[in-house]
Amino acid sequence: MAPLNDAQRKEFEKLIDQLERIRTELNWPQEKIASLCGVQQSTYARWVLKIKGKTGGSEPTELIFLGLKAKTPELIAELEASRKMLDKLLKEIESLRKER
């Protein structure tokens, strides 16, 4: 299986960085994002380590990356929808607090 070329590696790093930012905002475990990506949590965790330049990190093969890239619009849309629902819920809670 072919490793990522430089352009793919940059795309991969950007995608994982974006997923991690949203995941953190939503306070989701890595396992949930890994499931959306179609991989195990340990695989996703190694990808995160890789983009952070930490020991134990790895990147997907080209074939896996291309599959992940194809899922990206769906992944981001689902995460954005979850973020909007969370924002709405937080606003409702704040509104109820103010009514007290």
Protein backbone atom coordinates (compact mmCIF):
# COMPACT_ATOMS: atom_id res chain seq x y z
CA MET A 1 0.00 0.00 0.00
CA ALA A 2 1.33 3.38 -0.99
CA PRO A 3 2.25 6.01 1.60
CA LEU A 4 0.85 9.52 1.33
CA ASN A 5 2.60 12.00 -0.92
CA ASP A 6 3.41 15.48 0.42
CA ALA A 7 0.17 17.09 -0.82
CA GLN A 8 -1.94 14.28 0.63
CA ARG A 9 -0.04 14.48 3.92
CA LYS A 10 -0.83 18.20 4.22
CA GLU A 11 -4.50 17.55 3.42
CA PHE A 12 -4.58 14.74 5.98
CA GLU A 13 -3.04 16.94 8.67
CA LYS A 14 -5.50 19.74 7.93
CA LEU A 15 -8.47 17.36 8.10
CA ILE A 16 -7.42 15.75 11.39
CA ASP A 17 -6.69 19.17 12.88
CA GLN A 18 -10.18 20.35 11.88
CA LEU A 19 -11.82 17.21 13.27
CA GLU A 20 -9.92 17.56 16.53
CA ARG A 21 -10.93 21.21 16.92
CA ILE A 22 -14.61 20.40 16.44
CA ARG A 23 -14.38 17.26 18.59
CA THR A 24 -12.91 19.27 21.43
CA GLU A 25 -15.58 21.96 21.12
CA LEU A 26 -18.29 19.31 21.29
CA ASN A 27 -16.49 17.56 24.16
CA TRP A 28 -16.74 14.24 22.31
CA PRO A 29 -14.41 11.32 22.93
CA GLN A 30 -12.04 10.34 20.14
CA GLU A 31 -13.98 7.10 19.83
CA LYS A 32 -17.00 8.95 18.43
CA ILE A 33 -14.98 10.72 15.72
CA ALA A 34 -13.11 7.49 14.95
CA SER A 35 -16.44 5.74 14.42
CA LEU A 36 -17.55 8.49 12.01
CA CYS A 37 -14.25 8.04 10.15
CA GLY A 38 -14.76 4.28 9.99
CA VAL A 39 -11.69 3.39 12.04
CA GLN A 40 -10.93 2.21 15.56
CA GLN A 41 -10.19 4.76 18.28
CA SER A 42 -6.59 3.57 18.54
CA THR A 43 -6.05 4.27 14.83
CA TYR A 44 -7.56 7.74 15.09
CA ALA A 45 -5.45 8.43 18.20
CA ARG A 46 -2.27 7.52 16.26
CA TRP A 47 -3.32 9.92 13.50
CA VAL A 48 -3.72 12.71 16.06
CA LEU A 49 -0.30 11.90 17.52
CA LYS A 50 1.17 12.05 14.01
CA ILE A 51 -0.13 15.54 13.23
CA LYS A 52 1.09 16.74 16.63
CA GLY A 53 4.54 15.33 15.87
CA LYS A 54 4.43 12.98 18.84
CA THR A 55 6.00 9.55 19.23
CA GLY A 56 3.73 6.67 18.27
CA GLY A 57 1.89 8.58 15.58
CA SER A 58 1.05 7.16 12.20
CA GLU A 59 -0.77 8.15 9.06
CA PRO A 60 -3.12 6.18 6.85
CA THR A 61 -2.14 4.55 3.62
CA GLU A 62 -3.10 6.38 0.45
CA LEU A 63 -6.13 4.13 -0.06
CA ILE A 64 -7.48 4.74 3.45
CA PHE A 65 -6.80 8.47 3.12
CA LEU A 66 -8.73 8.62 -0.17
CA GLY A 67 -11.69 6.89 1.51
CA LEU A 68 -11.51 9.30 4.44
CA LYS A 69 -11.27 12.24 2.05
CA ALA A 70 -14.41 11.04 0.25
CA LYS A 71 -16.26 10.99 3.60
CA THR A 72 -15.05 14.46 4.60
CA PRO A 73 -18.06 16.53 3.45
CA GLU A 74 -20.44 14.16 5.23
CA LEU A 75 -18.25 14.10 8.35
CA ILE A 76 -17.96 17.87 8.58
CA ALA A 77 -21.69 18.33 7.94
CA GLU A 78 -22.56 15.93 10.75
CA LEU A 79 -20.14 17.62 13.14
CA GLU A 80 -21.42 21.09 12.26
CA ALA A 81 -25.02 19.93 12.80
CA SER A 82 -24.02 18.54 16.20
CA ARG A 83 -22.31 21.82 17.06
CA LYS A 84 -25.46 23.78 16.12
CA MET A 85 -27.64 21.49 18.22
CA LEU A 86 -25.29 21.91 21.16
CA ASP A 87 -25.28 25.70 20.76
CA LYS A 88 -29.09 25.72 20.65
CA LEU A 89 -29.29 23.56 23.77
CA LEU A 90 -26.86 25.80 25.64
CA LYS A 91 -28.89 28.89 24.69
CA GLU A 92 -32.08 27.24 25.93
CA ILE A 93 -30.42 26.34 29.22
CA GLU A 94 -29.13 29.90 29.62
CA SER A 95 -32.59 31.26 28.87
CA LEU A 96 -34.14 29.03 31.52
CA ARG A 97 -31.53 30.18 34.04
CA LYS A 98 -32.37 33.82 33.38
CA GLU A 99 -36.09 33.15 33.87
CA ARG A 100 -35.47 31.96 37.43
